[in-house]
């Protein structure tokens, strides 16, 4: 099974908006939400970031159709 990770940070408005967009996907795919400071420092200037098996699916302003296509739901 694929490991889906949402990288976020405190007080990140863009992260909140991205999470709202992908929230419906969590009913189909288990997703882990992590803080960028928990070992994901390489994404500090790119958050929010959605990863699938350590590969970037989307970042910044999320495009739900791009995400669905890359996740192949």
Protein backbone atom coordinates (compact mmCIF):
# COMPACT_ATOMS: atom_id res chain seq x y z
CA UNK A 1 0.00 0.00 0.00
CA UNK A 2 1.18 3.51 -0.77
CA UNK A 3 2.31 5.80 2.01
CA UNK A 4 0.63 9.21 1.64
CA UNK A 5 2.08 12.07 3.70
CA UNK A 6 0.80 15.65 3.98
CA UNK A 7 3.60 17.99 5.11
CA UNK A 8 2.35 21.12 6.83
CA UNK A 9 3.29 23.75 9.41
CA UNK A 10 1.63 25.76 12.15
CA UNK A 11 -0.10 28.99 11.12
CA UNK A 12 0.09 28.13 7.42
CA UNK A 13 -3.02 29.44 5.67
CA UNK A 14 -2.08 27.75 2.39
CA UNK A 15 -1.73 24.45 4.27
CA UNK A 16 -5.22 24.82 5.74
CA UNK A 17 -6.70 25.44 2.29
CA UNK A 18 -4.82 22.47 0.82
CA UNK A 19 -6.01 20.17 3.60
CA UNK A 20 -9.63 21.17 2.92
CA UNK A 21 -9.15 20.26 -0.74
CA UNK A 22 -7.73 16.81 -0.06
CA UNK A 23 -9.89 15.95 2.98
CA UNK A 24 -12.36 13.86 0.90
CA UNK A 25 -9.46 11.69 -0.30
CA UNK A 26 -8.79 10.56 3.27
CA UNK A 27 -11.93 8.41 3.10
CA UNK A 28 -10.24 6.31 0.40
CA UNK A 29 -6.56 6.60 1.28
CA UNK A 30 -4.92 6.58 4.69
CA UNK A 31 -2.92 9.76 5.06
CA UNK A 32 -0.38 10.87 7.65
CA UNK A 33 -0.16 14.57 8.52
CA UNK A 34 3.31 15.66 9.65
CA UNK A 35 4.90 18.95 10.61
CA UNK A 36 7.73 20.11 8.37
CA UNK A 37 10.01 20.28 11.43
CA UNK A 38 9.59 16.51 12.02
CA UNK A 39 12.31 15.49 9.59
CA UNK A 40 10.90 17.11 6.46
CA UNK A 41 13.05 20.26 6.52
CA UNK A 42 13.81 19.95 2.80
CA UNK A 43 10.20 21.02 2.13
CA UNK A 44 10.28 24.06 4.44
CA UNK A 45 9.91 26.61 1.63
CA UNK A 46 7.52 24.43 -0.39
CA UNK A 47 4.74 23.61 2.10
CA UNK A 48 2.12 22.37 1.87
CA UNK A 49 3.49 19.24 0.21
CA UNK A 50 1.72 15.97 -0.56
CA UNK A 51 4.00 12.94 -0.85
CA UNK A 52 3.34 9.42 -2.10
CA UNK A 53 6.14 7.02 -1.19
CA UNK A 54 8.50 10.02 -0.73
CA UNK A 55 7.67 11.39 -4.22
CA UNK A 56 6.11 14.87 -4.44
CA UNK A 57 2.54 14.65 -5.77
CA UNK A 58 1.71 18.35 -5.36
CA UNK A 59 2.93 21.39 -3.44
CA UNK A 60 1.96 24.98 -2.80
CA UNK A 61 -1.50 25.65 -4.24
CA UNK A 62 -2.97 22.16 -4.63
CA UNK A 63 -4.77 21.06 -7.78
CA UNK A 64 -7.18 18.29 -6.78
CA UNK A 65 -7.41 16.87 -10.32
CA UNK A 66 -3.64 16.64 -10.60
CA UNK A 67 -3.54 14.86 -7.25
CA UNK A 68 -6.26 12.39 -8.19
CA UNK A 69 -4.50 11.62 -11.46
CA UNK A 70 -1.14 11.03 -9.78
CA UNK A 71 -2.67 8.94 -7.02
CA UNK A 72 -4.70 7.01 -9.62
CA UNK A 73 -7.83 6.85 -7.49
